[in-house]
N, C-alpha and C. Protein backbone atom coordinates (compact mmCIF):
# COMPACT_ATOMS: atom_id res chain seq x y z
N MET A 1 24.37 21.66 6.79
CA MET A 1 23.57 21.51 7.61
C MET A 1 22.86 20.56 7.86
N ASP A 2 22.58 20.33 8.94
CA ASP A 2 22.69 18.44 9.72
C ASP A 2 21.34 18.80 10.32
N LEU A 3 20.55 17.94 9.56
CA LEU A 3 19.15 18.42 10.54
C LEU A 3 19.00 17.47 11.37
N GLY A 4 20.06 16.12 11.56
CA GLY A 4 19.45 15.07 11.96
C GLY A 4 18.81 13.92 11.43
N LEU A 5 18.26 13.92 10.35
CA LEU A 5 17.09 12.86 9.78
C LEU A 5 18.14 11.98 9.15
N ASN A 6 19.02 11.22 9.31
CA ASN A 6 19.47 9.97 9.22
C ASN A 6 18.62 9.57 9.06
N ASP A 7 18.44 8.34 8.28
CA ASP A 7 18.16 7.22 8.59
C ASP A 7 15.93 7.09 8.57
N THR A 8 16.39 9.14 8.82
CA THR A 8 14.45 8.51 8.74
C THR A 8 13.28 8.68 7.42
N VAL A 9 12.87 7.96 7.86
CA VAL A 9 11.74 8.07 6.53
C VAL A 9 11.34 8.71 6.43
N VAL A 10 11.11 9.71 5.18
CA VAL A 10 10.27 10.19 4.81
C VAL A 10 9.12 10.25 3.80
N LEU A 11 8.17 11.08 3.86
CA LEU A 11 7.07 10.01 2.82
C LEU A 11 6.49 11.61 2.26
N ILE A 12 6.51 11.42 1.42
CA ILE A 12 6.83 13.44 0.25
C ILE A 12 5.19 13.02 -0.55
N THR A 13 4.09 13.54 -0.54
CA THR A 13 3.14 13.74 -1.28
C THR A 13 3.30 14.55 -2.18
N GLY A 14 2.17 14.85 -4.06
CA GLY A 14 2.52 15.25 -4.25
C GLY A 14 4.28 15.14 -5.15
N GLY A 15 5.30 14.25 -4.14
CA GLY A 15 6.65 14.71 -4.50
C GLY A 15 7.01 13.70 -5.89
N SER A 16 6.08 13.34 -7.17
CA SER A 16 7.09 13.81 -8.42
C SER A 16 7.50 14.20 -8.74
N LYS A 17 7.04 16.12 -9.01
CA LYS A 17 7.43 17.41 -9.40
C LYS A 17 7.41 18.95 -8.70
N GLY A 18 8.51 19.46 -9.02
CA GLY A 18 7.81 21.10 -7.92
C GLY A 18 8.95 21.24 -6.93
N ILE A 19 8.15 21.36 -6.13
CA ILE A 19 8.40 21.62 -4.62
C ILE A 19 8.74 20.46 -3.78
N GLY A 20 7.52 19.78 -4.45
CA GLY A 20 7.63 18.38 -3.90
C GLY A 20 9.35 17.06 -3.95
N LEU A 21 9.54 17.39 -5.41
CA LEU A 21 10.43 16.75 -6.15
C LEU A 21 12.03 17.25 -5.42
N ALA A 22 11.89 18.72 -5.34
CA ALA A 22 13.36 19.60 -4.92
C ALA A 22 13.04 19.44 -3.47
N CYS A 23 11.72 18.92 -2.84
CA CYS A 23 12.14 17.95 -1.17
C CYS A 23 12.29 16.86 -1.00
N ALA A 24 12.35 16.00 -1.70
CA ALA A 24 13.23 14.83 -2.13
C ALA A 24 14.73 15.15 -2.39
N GLN A 25 14.77 15.95 -2.74
CA GLN A 25 15.98 15.55 -3.15
C GLN A 25 17.02 16.24 -1.86
N GLY A 26 16.49 17.20 -1.46
CA GLY A 26 16.59 18.41 -0.03
C GLY A 26 16.87 16.68 1.09
N PHE A 27 16.10 16.49 1.79
CA PHE A 27 15.92 15.18 2.76
C PHE A 27 16.92 14.17 2.43
N ALA A 28 16.77 13.89 1.09
CA ALA A 28 18.06 12.77 0.32
C ALA A 28 19.23 13.47 1.03
N ALA A 29 19.51 14.78 0.67
CA ALA A 29 20.90 14.77 1.11
C ALA A 29 21.43 14.95 2.57
N GLU A 30 20.29 15.28 3.30
CA GLU A 30 20.10 14.61 4.62
C GLU A 30 20.37 13.15 5.34
N GLY A 31 20.17 12.63 4.43
CA GLY A 31 20.69 10.96 4.86
C GLY A 31 18.84 9.86 5.17
N ALA A 32 17.42 11.32 4.68
CA ALA A 32 16.54 10.08 4.79
C ALA A 32 16.18 9.37 4.17
N ARG A 33 15.80 8.21 4.54
CA ARG A 33 15.35 7.60 3.05
C ARG A 33 13.77 7.91 2.62
N VAL A 34 13.71 8.64 1.33
CA VAL A 34 12.75 8.63 0.61
C VAL A 34 11.85 8.15 0.09
N ALA A 35 10.25 8.65 0.46
CA ALA A 35 9.52 7.89 -0.08
C ALA A 35 8.31 9.09 -1.24
N ILE A 36 8.78 8.83 -2.05
CA ILE A 36 7.88 10.23 -3.76
C ILE A 36 6.40 9.68 -3.87
N ALA A 37 4.67 10.26 -3.17
CA ALA A 37 3.72 9.67 -3.86
C ALA A 37 3.63 10.22 -5.20
N SER A 38 1.94 10.23 -6.10
CA SER A 38 1.52 10.78 -6.79
C SER A 38 0.66 9.97 -7.18
N ARG A 39 -0.16 10.67 -7.66
CA ARG A 39 -1.75 9.96 -8.24
C ARG A 39 -1.00 9.77 -9.90
N GLN A 40 -0.06 10.18 -10.54
CA GLN A 40 -0.17 9.96 -11.94
C GLN A 40 1.82 8.89 -11.85
N ARG A 41 0.95 7.84 -12.38
CA ARG A 41 2.79 7.13 -12.60
C ARG A 41 3.60 7.76 -13.60
N GLU A 42 3.31 8.32 -14.45
CA GLU A 42 4.32 8.52 -15.30
C GLU A 42 4.89 10.02 -15.42
N HIS A 43 3.97 10.51 -14.17
CA HIS A 43 4.88 11.28 -13.22
C HIS A 43 5.87 10.44 -12.32
N LEU A 44 6.11 9.82 -11.40
CA LEU A 44 6.36 9.53 -10.85
C LEU A 44 7.73 8.24 -11.27
N GLU A 45 7.48 7.78 -12.33
CA GLU A 45 8.40 7.33 -13.51
C GLU A 45 10.22 8.42 -13.93
N GLN A 46 9.31 9.66 -14.15
CA GLN A 46 10.43 10.91 -14.00
C GLN A 46 11.18 11.11 -12.75
N ALA A 47 9.91 11.72 -11.87
CA ALA A 47 11.26 12.43 -10.87
C ALA A 47 11.99 10.85 -10.99
N ASN A 48 11.82 9.62 -10.60
CA ASN A 48 12.11 8.15 -9.55
C ASN A 48 13.60 8.18 -11.09
N ALA A 49 13.71 8.86 -11.82
CA ALA A 49 15.12 9.13 -13.02
C ALA A 49 15.57 9.96 -12.63
N THR A 50 15.55 11.07 -12.67
CA THR A 50 15.46 12.44 -11.51
C THR A 50 15.86 12.07 -10.78
N LEU A 51 16.19 11.52 -9.81
CA LEU A 51 16.77 11.55 -8.76
C LEU A 51 17.51 10.06 -8.04
N GLN A 52 17.30 9.19 -9.29
CA GLN A 52 18.32 8.34 -9.32
C GLN A 52 19.26 8.93 -10.59
N ALA A 53 19.16 10.26 -10.85
CA ALA A 53 20.19 10.21 -11.75
C ALA A 53 21.24 11.52 -10.71
N VAL A 54 20.85 11.80 -9.08
CA VAL A 54 21.63 12.72 -8.97
C VAL A 54 22.10 11.45 -7.18
N GLY A 55 21.57 10.46 -8.13
CA GLY A 55 22.06 9.32 -6.53
C GLY A 55 21.15 9.27 -5.41
N VAL A 56 20.07 9.53 -5.63
CA VAL A 56 18.58 9.37 -4.91
C VAL A 56 17.72 7.98 -5.13
N GLN A 57 17.08 7.63 -4.28
CA GLN A 57 16.81 5.68 -4.70
C GLN A 57 15.75 5.30 -3.57
N PRO A 58 14.66 6.50 -4.31
CA PRO A 58 13.26 6.47 -3.80
C PRO A 58 12.61 5.33 -3.76
N MET A 59 11.65 5.41 -2.72
CA MET A 59 10.49 4.73 -3.18
C MET A 59 9.39 5.26 -4.35
N VAL A 60 8.90 5.04 -4.63
CA VAL A 60 7.27 4.81 -5.30
C VAL A 60 6.33 4.97 -5.54
N VAL A 61 4.90 5.31 -5.34
CA VAL A 61 4.17 5.02 -4.95
C VAL A 61 3.12 5.98 -5.68
N ALA A 62 1.69 4.93 -5.86
CA ALA A 62 1.21 5.57 -7.07
C ALA A 62 0.05 5.68 -5.79
N ALA A 63 -0.95 6.44 -5.68
CA ALA A 63 -1.97 6.32 -4.76
C ALA A 63 -2.72 7.99 -4.76
N ASP A 64 -4.27 8.02 -4.94
CA ASP A 64 -5.67 9.02 -4.99
C ASP A 64 -5.25 9.52 -3.74
N LEU A 65 -4.46 10.20 -2.97
CA LEU A 65 -5.37 10.18 -2.08
C LEU A 65 -6.76 11.03 -0.73
N GLY A 66 -7.00 11.02 -2.28
CA GLY A 66 -8.37 12.08 -1.81
C GLY A 66 -9.47 10.69 -2.08
N ASP A 67 -8.71 9.13 -1.93
CA ASP A 67 -9.20 7.80 -1.71
C ASP A 67 -9.13 7.49 -0.26
N PRO A 68 -9.20 7.76 1.47
CA PRO A 68 -9.12 6.86 2.09
C PRO A 68 -8.23 5.84 1.67
N GLU A 69 -8.47 4.74 0.53
CA GLU A 69 -8.28 3.25 1.56
C GLU A 69 -6.67 3.50 0.68
N GLN A 70 -6.78 3.98 -0.47
CA GLN A 70 -4.97 4.32 -1.43
C GLN A 70 -4.65 4.91 -0.67
N ALA A 71 -4.14 6.65 0.39
CA ALA A 71 -4.05 6.25 1.59
C ALA A 71 -3.29 6.18 2.47
N ALA A 72 -4.43 5.07 3.17
CA ALA A 72 -4.29 3.73 4.08
C ALA A 72 -3.00 2.95 3.51
N ARG A 73 -2.93 2.18 2.17
CA ARG A 73 -2.63 1.32 1.07
C ARG A 73 -1.13 2.09 1.28
N MET A 74 -0.90 3.43 1.00
CA MET A 74 0.35 3.87 0.60
C MET A 74 1.28 3.99 2.06
N VAL A 75 0.56 4.38 3.12
CA VAL A 75 1.18 5.03 3.96
C VAL A 75 1.38 2.86 4.53
N ARG A 76 0.41 2.14 4.41
CA ARG A 76 1.47 0.62 4.73
C ARG A 76 2.41 0.40 3.76
N GLU A 77 2.53 0.67 2.75
CA GLU A 77 3.22 0.05 2.05
C GLU A 77 5.24 0.17 1.90
N VAL A 78 4.65 1.80 1.95
CA VAL A 78 6.15 2.57 2.64
C VAL A 78 6.76 1.80 4.33
N GLU A 79 5.55 1.51 5.13
CA GLU A 79 6.13 1.45 5.87
C GLU A 79 6.92 0.31 6.61
N SER A 80 6.06 -0.99 4.83
CA SER A 80 6.11 -2.37 5.28
C SER A 80 8.25 -1.99 4.66
N ARG A 81 8.49 -1.14 3.68
CA ARG A 81 9.45 -1.48 3.02
C ARG A 81 10.42 -0.94 3.27
N LEU A 82 9.84 0.76 4.30
CA LEU A 82 11.40 1.64 4.92
C LEU A 82 10.91 1.89 6.03
N GLY A 83 10.07 1.35 7.00
CA GLY A 83 9.64 1.59 8.44
C GLY A 83 8.66 2.43 8.76
N PRO A 84 8.58 2.58 9.78
CA PRO A 84 8.07 3.71 9.79
C PRO A 84 7.96 5.06 9.22
N VAL A 85 7.34 6.30 9.30
CA VAL A 85 7.17 7.01 8.42
C VAL A 85 7.58 8.07 9.54
N GLY A 86 8.54 9.12 9.38
CA GLY A 86 9.59 9.65 10.49
C GLY A 86 8.89 10.95 10.12
N VAL A 87 8.40 11.54 8.63
CA VAL A 87 7.93 12.78 8.59
C VAL A 87 7.28 12.61 7.07
């Protein structure tokens, strides 16, 4: 299926496990540039290894979205490295 996401920047919060990790794999399979975020760095490291094992090179960002400053920092970091977030 072609969702027209090639080179679209996708930022997935809660992307280090479960549904978020599965979404990261799916978006990457559609050609998106994927960034995943989670509060826990160790979960991000595991997710990064999982994604790299299937050929995905995600950007990982540790951030607590309950803190508005961390949420804003997360978006700034992703956009400065990958470009404007599309999804």
